[in-house]
Amino acid sequence: MTQESATTLSKLPVLADLHLLLVIGQTRSYTQAARRLGISKATVSQRIAALERATGVPLVQRTTRAVALTAAGQQLVDDTAPSFAQIEQSYAAIRDLASTPRGLVRMTAPVALGRQHVLPALSAFLLEYPQVRVELDLNDKLNNLAQEGYDLAIRHSHQPPETYVAWLLCETRAMLVASPGYLERRGTPAHPRELAEHDCLVYLRGSISVQNWTLMREHPRKAPELCHVPVQGPLKANNSEALREAALAGLGIALLPDFSASVQPQDSRRLVPVLPDWQPQGFFGGRIFAIRPWAPRVPRAVQCLVEHLQDWFGNKAPNQRRD
């Protein structure tokens, strides 16, 4: 390296500040960028101000509601992002040469599935791999994994997004359940049409509640039979655990994914299937996947975690648990 080149490099902004600008461009939030990088929001502000002084132009536009890059800031991010991606891949590849998986894995999972099945799996994994750390965000919102910096997500879906790498963990299904006490009091439906006369516990998707349930019954020698029935009841909620607790309390018939319908062995309360010959349609996904944004390589800690989850769900698949 020539003396002129060395002098030029010495005047460049700190690479960490350029990377910080990249993270802000991905998250559009000083708070999210600070959380991802493990620094304070005040430090983010100070470092961006220093970077703007070094470049001589505004790089970030901040309002009370949003954070956005200026044209100059976006150009700087676009020009440096490939280099940072290569650095990250090279660094991870070198770390993976170590015999023991290590490092941080940031993952997200739906609330009920995460509490009931992912957390027990993670506990066993972290005991086996003490040099791996996991940050788990339990959230029913469908996060943008790349934008928010997640390494892995657990998704309850029929089909994973085509732009992601996906590993199938297990099959799952939706089911109707109620407490024995409710069925003794109100009677057990013999056909889906009778659900219209029952108290039904409805799942909310955002601000929208499904007012009709569709059920299908297979027949060996003819086309499947479909039944659409309007439903109503005393409670609507956007969490399957909440609906399960309401069903256990005898408030009505709930449509739940099977992993929420199971009750822990030590719980003396129980739920029983309703209309077991009929399969609810088009509501919850039929499979549980682990997914991540596509990349040329998968970090070893992430790969080991995926393999552990495949083994865990394969041996203890929710649709095999009838505790």
Protein backbone atom coordinates (compact mmCIF):
# COMPACT_ATOMS: atom_id res chain seq x y z
CA MET A 1 0.00 0.00 0.00
CA THR A 2 1.37 3.43 -0.94
CA GLN A 3 1.65 6.28 1.53
CA GLU A 4 -1.05 8.15 -0.42
CA SER A 5 -3.42 5.18 -0.16
CA ALA A 6 -2.77 4.84 3.55
CA THR A 7 -3.46 8.54 4.07
CA THR A 8 -6.73 8.26 2.13
CA LEU A 9 -7.87 5.24 4.16
CA SER A 10 -7.06 7.01 7.42
CA LYS A 11 -9.51 9.76 6.48
CA LEU A 12 -12.38 7.35 5.73
CA PRO A 13 -15.24 7.05 8.25
CA VAL A 14 -15.09 4.15 10.66
CA LEU A 15 -16.41 1.02 8.93
CA ALA A 16 -18.69 0.35 11.89
CA ASP A 17 -20.46 3.66 11.22
CA LEU A 18 -20.98 2.74 7.57
CA HIS A 19 -22.41 -0.58 8.71
CA LEU A 20 -24.68 1.26 11.15
CA LEU A 21 -26.03 3.32 8.23
CA LEU A 22 -26.70 0.05 6.37
CA VAL A 23 -28.67 -1.33 9.34
CA ILE A 24 -30.70 1.88 9.59
CA GLY A 25 -31.50 1.54 5.89
CA GLN A 26 -32.79 -1.98 6.55
CA THR A 27 -34.76 -1.27 9.73
CA ARG A 28 -35.88 2.33 9.06
CA SER A 29 -35.63 2.81 12.80
CA TYR A 30 -32.95 4.10 15.19
CA THR A 31 -34.50 1.99 17.94
CA GLN A 32 -34.44 -1.23 15.89
CA ALA A 33 -30.90 -0.52 14.68
CA ALA A 34 -29.73 0.05 18.25
CA ARG A 35 -31.36 -3.18 19.41
CA ARG A 36 -29.84 -5.21 16.58
CA LEU A 37 -26.33 -3.86 17.16
CA GLY A 38 -26.49 -3.89 20.96
CA ILE A 39 -25.90 -0.15 21.41
CA SER A 40 -27.97 2.73 22.77
CA LYS A 41 -30.25 4.88 20.65
CA ALA A 42 -28.20 7.93 21.71
CA THR A 43 -25.05 6.25 20.38
CA VAL A 44 -26.79 5.66 17.05
CA SER A 45 -27.62 9.36 16.80
CA GLN A 46 -24.08 10.42 17.72
CA ARG A 47 -22.43 8.08 15.23
CA ILE A 48 -24.73 9.06 12.35
CA ALA A 49 -24.09 12.74 13.11
CA ALA A 50 -20.32 12.07 13.03
CA LEU A 51 -20.69 10.19 9.71
CA GLU A 52 -22.64 13.10 8.21
CA ARG A 53 -19.94 15.52 9.33
CA ALA A 54 -17.28 13.31 7.74
CA THR A 55 -19.14 13.05 4.41
CA GLY A 56 -20.35 16.65 4.42
CA VAL A 57 -23.91 15.75 3.34
CA PRO A 58 -27.12 14.65 5.15
CA LEU A 59 -27.50 10.88 5.09
CA VAL A 60 -30.63 10.31 7.20
CA GLN A 61 -33.96 12.10 7.36
CA ARG A 62 -35.75 11.80 10.72
CA THR A 63 -39.29 12.81 11.59
CA THR A 64 -41.42 12.04 14.62
CA ARG A 65 -42.94 9.12 12.70
CA ALA A 66 -40.28 7.69 10.44
CA VAL A 67 -36.62 7.38 9.53
CA ALA A 68 -35.50 7.38 5.90
CA LEU A 69 -32.23 7.62 4.03
CA THR A 70 -31.50 10.61 1.86
CA ALA A 71 -30.48 10.01 -1.76
CA ALA A 72 -26.83 10.28 -0.70
CA GLY A 73 -27.39 7.90 2.22
CA GLN A 74 -29.12 5.35 -0.02
CA GLN A 75 -26.31 5.53 -2.57
CA LEU A 76 -23.73 4.95 0.16
CA VAL A 77 -25.69 1.95 1.46
CA ASP A 78 -26.19 0.49 -2.03
CA ASP A 79 -22.48 0.82 -2.82
CA THR A 80 -21.20 -0.69 0.45
CA ALA A 81 -23.85 -3.39 1.10
CA PRO A 82 -22.24 -6.07 -1.14
CA SER A 83 -18.89 -5.60 0.59
CA PHE A 84 -20.42 -5.91 4.05
CA ALA A 85 -22.32 -9.03 2.96
CA GLN A 86 -19.06 -10.59 1.73
CA ILE A 87 -17.29 -9.66 4.97
CA GLU A 88 -20.12 -11.20 7.01
CA GLN A 89 -20.04 -14.42 4.97
CA SER A 90 -16.27 -14.72 5.16
CA TYR A 91 -16.24 -14.08 8.89
CA ALA A 92 -19.01 -16.62 9.50
CA ALA A 93 -17.21 -19.19 7.36
CA ILE A 94 -14.03 -18.79 9.42
CA ARG A 95 -15.99 -19.06 12.68
CA ASP A 96 -17.62 -22.24 11.41
CA LEU A 97 -14.21 -23.86 11.12
CA ALA A 98 -14.36 -24.22 14.89
CA SER A 99 -15.54 -27.63 16.03
CA THR A 100 -18.29 -26.23 18.27
CA PRO A 101 -21.20 -24.11 16.96
CA ARG A 102 -21.21 -20.67 18.54
CA GLY A 103 -22.60 -17.20 18.14
CA LEU A 104 -25.99 -15.47 18.19
CA VAL A 105 -29.08 -16.76 16.38
CA ARG A 106 -31.98 -14.30 16.13
CA MET A 107 -35.28 -16.04 15.49
CA THR A 108 -39.01 -15.37 15.57
CA ALA A 109 -42.01 -17.65 16.07
CA PRO A 110 -45.80 -17.34 16.57
CA VAL A 111 -46.77 -16.78 20.19
CA ALA A 112 -48.70 -19.98 20.94
CA LEU A 113 -46.48 -22.29 18.90
CA GLY A 114 -43.41 -20.62 20.36
CA ARG A 115 -44.51 -20.94 23.97
CA GLN A 116 -45.81 -24.49 23.70
CA HIS A 117 -43.25 -26.17 21.43
CA VAL A 118 -40.36 -23.94 20.30
CA LEU A 119 -39.25 -22.90 23.80
CA PRO A 120 -38.95 -26.49 25.10
CA ALA A 121 -36.95 -27.36 21.98
CA LEU A 122 -34.67 -24.35 22.49
CA SER A 123 -34.06 -25.26 26.12
CA ALA A 124 -32.76 -28.68 25.11
CA PHE A 125 -30.70 -27.17 22.26
CA LEU A 126 -29.00 -24.55 24.43
CA LEU A 127 -28.05 -27.14 27.03
CA GLU A 128 -26.38 -29.14 24.25
CA TYR A 129 -24.68 -26.12 22.65
CA PRO A 130 -23.74 -23.72 25.47
CA GLN A 131 -21.71 -21.44 23.15
CA VAL A 132 -24.78 -20.57 21.06
CA ARG A 133 -27.06 -17.72 22.16
CA VAL A 134 -30.63 -17.30 20.91
CA GLU A 135 -32.80 -14.19 20.79
CA LEU A 136 -36.41 -15.34 20.37
CA ASP A 137 -39.16 -12.91 19.37
CA LEU A 138 -42.62 -14.38 19.98
CA ASN A 139 -44.88 -12.48 17.63
CA ASP A 140 -47.83 -13.41 15.44
CA LYS A 141 -46.90 -10.64 12.98
CA LEU A 142 -45.23 -11.84 9.78
CA ASN A 143 -41.86 -10.10 10.06
CA ASN A 144 -39.64 -9.23 7.12
CA LEU A 145 -36.76 -11.48 8.17
CA ALA A 146 -34.01 -9.82 6.14
CA GLN A 147 -35.09 -6.29 6.97
CA GLU A 148 -35.39 -6.96 10.70
CA GLY A 149 -32.23 -9.06 10.95
CA TYR A 150 -33.66 -12.49 11.82
CA ASP A 151 -31.63 -15.60 11.08
CA LEU A 152 -34.56 -18.00 11.35
CA ALA A 153 -38.35 -18.01 11.65
CA ILE A 154 -40.86 -20.69 12.53
CA ARG A 155 -43.92 -20.47 10.31
CA HIS A 156 -47.29 -22.26 10.40
CA SER A 157 -48.21 -22.37 6.72
CA HIS A 158 -49.39 -24.46 3.80
CA GLN A 159 -46.41 -23.40 1.67
CA PRO A 160 -43.35 -21.30 2.56
CA PRO A 161 -42.44 -18.20 0.52
CA GLU A 162 -40.53 -19.11 -2.64
CA THR A 163 -37.77 -16.58 -1.92
CA TYR A 164 -36.84 -18.26 1.37
CA VAL A 165 -34.94 -21.40 2.28
CA ALA A 166 -37.39 -23.67 4.11
CA TRP A 167 -37.09 -26.84 6.19
CA LEU A 168 -40.22 -28.87 6.95
CA LEU A 169 -40.49 -29.61 10.68
CA CYS A 170 -43.79 -31.51 10.80
CA GLU A 171 -47.33 -31.78 9.51
CA THR A 172 -50.15 -30.18 11.50
CA ARG A 173 -53.92 -29.72 11.22
CA ALA A 174 -56.83 -27.68 12.53
CA MET A 175 -59.48 -29.23 14.76
CA LEU A 176 -62.69 -28.40 16.61
CA VAL A 177 -62.60 -28.95 20.38
CA ALA A 178 -64.73 -28.28 23.43
CA SER A 179 -64.79 -29.15 27.11
CA PRO A 180 -66.87 -32.12 28.30
CA GLY A 181 -68.84 -29.74 30.51
CA TYR A 182 -69.90 -27.57 27.57
CA LEU A 183 -70.96 -30.59 25.52
CA GLU A 184 -72.95 -32.00 28.43
CA ARG A 185 -74.72 -28.68 28.82
CA ARG A 186 -75.34 -27.84 25.16
CA GLY A 187 -75.12 -31.19 23.41
CA THR A 188 -72.60 -32.54 20.90
CA PRO A 189 -73.06 -31.47 17.26
CA ALA A 190 -73.62 -34.36 14.87
CA HIS A 191 -73.23 -32.25 11.71
CA PRO A 192 -71.43 -28.95 10.97
CA ARG A 193 -74.79 -27.23 10.31
CA GLU A 194 -75.53 -27.55 14.03
CA LEU A 195 -72.56 -25.30 14.86
CA ALA A 196 -74.77 -22.32 13.97
CA GLU A 197 -76.76 -23.04 17.14
CA HIS A 198 -73.66 -23.28 19.36
CA ASP A 199 -71.32 -20.81 21.04
CA CYS A 200 -68.23 -20.77 18.83
CA LEU A 201 -64.89 -19.21 19.79
CA VAL A 202 -63.59 -17.33 16.78
CA TYR A 203 -60.00 -16.48 15.85
CA LEU A 204 -59.30 -12.85 14.93
CA ARG A 205 -56.88 -12.07 12.11
CA GLY A 206 -55.92 -8.45 12.64
CA SER A 207 -59.21 -6.58 12.92
CA ILE A 208 -61.05 -9.21 10.87
CA SER A 209 -62.91 -12.15 12.37
CA VAL A 210 -63.98 -15.14 10.30
CA GLN A 211 -67.78 -15.37 10.44
CA ASN A 212 -68.03 -18.68 8.56
CA TRP A 213 -66.26 -21.98 9.09
CA THR A 214 -65.77 -24.41 6.22
CA LEU A 215 -65.47 -28.11 6.98
CA MET A 216 -64.85 -31.06 4.68
CA ARG A 217 -65.60 -34.75 5.06
CA GLU A 218 -63.82 -37.29 2.86
CA HIS A 219 -65.75 -40.13 1.21
CA PRO A 220 -64.05 -43.23 -0.16
CA ARG A 221 -66.10 -43.51 -3.40
CA LYS A 222 -67.33 -39.99 -4.10
CA ALA A 223 -66.22 -36.38 -3.98
CA PRO A 224 -65.52 -34.80 -0.59
CA GLU A 225 -68.47 -33.16 1.12
CA LEU A 226 -68.13 -29.45 2.00
CA CYS A 227 -70.19 -27.53 4.51
CA HIS A 228 -70.07 -23.75 5.11
CA VAL A 229 -71.63 -22.67 8.39
CA PRO A 230 -72.02 -19.20 9.95
CA VAL A 231 -70.68 -19.07 13.50
CA GLN A 232 -70.89 -16.70 16.45
CA GLY A 233 -70.10 -16.80 20.12
CA PRO A 234 -69.15 -14.93 23.29
CA LEU A 235 -65.44 -14.47 22.56
CA LYS A 236 -63.14 -13.60 19.67
CA ALA A 237 -59.35 -13.47 20.16
CA ASN A 238 -56.20 -13.30 18.06
CA ASN A 239 -54.36 -15.94 20.09
CA SER A 240 -55.03 -19.67 20.02
CA GLU A 241 -53.94 -20.12 23.64
CA ALA A 242 -56.60 -17.62 24.73
CA LEU A 243 -59.25 -19.51 22.76
CA ARG A 244 -58.05 -22.80 24.23
CA GLU A 245 -58.42 -21.43 27.77
CA ALA A 246 -61.91 -20.18 26.94
CA ALA A 247 -62.82 -23.63 25.60
CA LEU A 248 -61.41 -25.27 28.72
CA ALA A 249 -63.57 -22.92 30.79
CA GLY A 250 -66.64 -24.22 28.95
CA LEU A 251 -67.41 -21.07 26.94
CA GLY A 252 -67.90 -22.84 23.64
CA ILE A 253 -66.45 -24.77 20.70
CA ALA A 254 -63.06 -23.56 19.46
CA LEU A 255 -61.34 -24.06 16.12
CA LEU A 256 -57.65 -24.45 16.98
CA PRO A 257 -54.41 -25.68 15.46
CA ASP A 258 -53.62 -29.06 16.96
CA PHE A 259 -50.53 -27.79 18.78
CA SER A 260 -52.76 -25.44 20.80
CA ALA A 261 -55.52 -27.98 21.32
CA SER A 262 -53.27 -30.32 23.32
CA VAL A 263 -53.30 -29.88 27.08
CA GLN A 264 -50.34 -30.49 29.36
CA PRO A 265 -50.38 -33.89 31.12
CA GLN A 266 -50.46 -32.32 34.60
CA ASP A 267 -53.57 -30.31 33.71
CA SER A 268 -56.69 -32.05 35.02
CA ARG A 269 -58.83 -30.16 32.51
CA ARG A 270 -59.20 -31.56 29.03
CA LEU A 271 -60.67 -30.86 25.62
CA VAL A 272 -62.38 -33.41 23.42
CA PRO A 273 -62.67 -33.41 19.61
CA VAL A 274 -65.89 -32.19 18.04
CA LEU A 275 -66.98 -33.52 14.61
CA PRO A 276 -63.74 -35.53 14.24
CA ASP A 277 -64.77 -36.84 10.80
CA TRP A 278 -64.86 -33.28 9.46
CA GLN A 279 -61.66 -31.37 8.69
CA PRO A 280 -61.69 -27.54 8.98
CA GLN A 281 -60.48 -25.93 5.75
CA GLY A 282 -58.52 -22.85 4.75
CA PHE A 283 -57.84 -21.51 8.20
CA PHE A 284 -54.52 -22.58 9.74
CA GLY A 285 -51.58 -23.87 7.74
CA GLY A 286 -51.05 -27.59 7.29
CA ARG A 287 -47.30 -27.63 7.99
CA ILE A 288 -44.75 -26.10 10.33
CA PHE A 289 -41.56 -24.81 8.69
CA ALA A 290 -38.29 -23.26 9.73
CA ILE A 291 -37.41 -20.61 7.15
CA ARG A 292 -34.64 -18.06 6.54
CA PRO A 293 -33.72 -15.61 3.80
CA TRP A 294 -31.69 -17.19 1.01
CA ALA A 295 -27.90 -16.89 1.38
CA PRO A 296 -24.97 -18.76 -0.22
CA ARG A 297 -24.29 -20.49 3.08
CA VAL A 298 -26.08 -21.18 6.33
CA PRO A 299 -24.18 -20.39 9.57
CA ARG A 300 -23.28 -23.54 11.46
CA ALA A 301 -25.18 -22.51 14.59
CA VAL A 302 -28.33 -21.97 12.50
CA GLN A 303 -27.89 -25.29 10.69
CA CYS A 304 -27.45 -27.15 13.99
CA LEU A 305 -30.55 -25.45 15.39
CA VAL A 306 -32.61 -26.40 12.33
CA GLU A 307 -31.47 -30.02 12.59
CA HIS A 308 -32.36 -30.03 16.29
CA LEU A 309 -35.83 -28.61 15.55
CA GLN A 310 -36.40 -31.19 12.81
CA ASP A 311 -35.55 -33.97 15.23
CA TRP A 312 -37.60 -32.42 18.06
CA PHE A 313 -40.74 -31.82 16.00
CA GLY A 314 -40.33 -35.11 14.17
CA ASN A 315 -40.32 -37.05 17.43
CA LYS A 316 -42.83 -34.84 19.24
CA ALA A 317 -44.93 -33.57 16.36
CA PRO A 318 -47.90 -31.51 17.59
CA ASN A 319 -50.40 -33.62 15.65
CA GLN A 320 -49.11 -36.70 17.46
CA ARG A 321 -49.55 -35.16 20.92
CA ARG A 322 -52.90 -35.96 22.46
CA ASP A 323 -51.97 -35.35 26.09
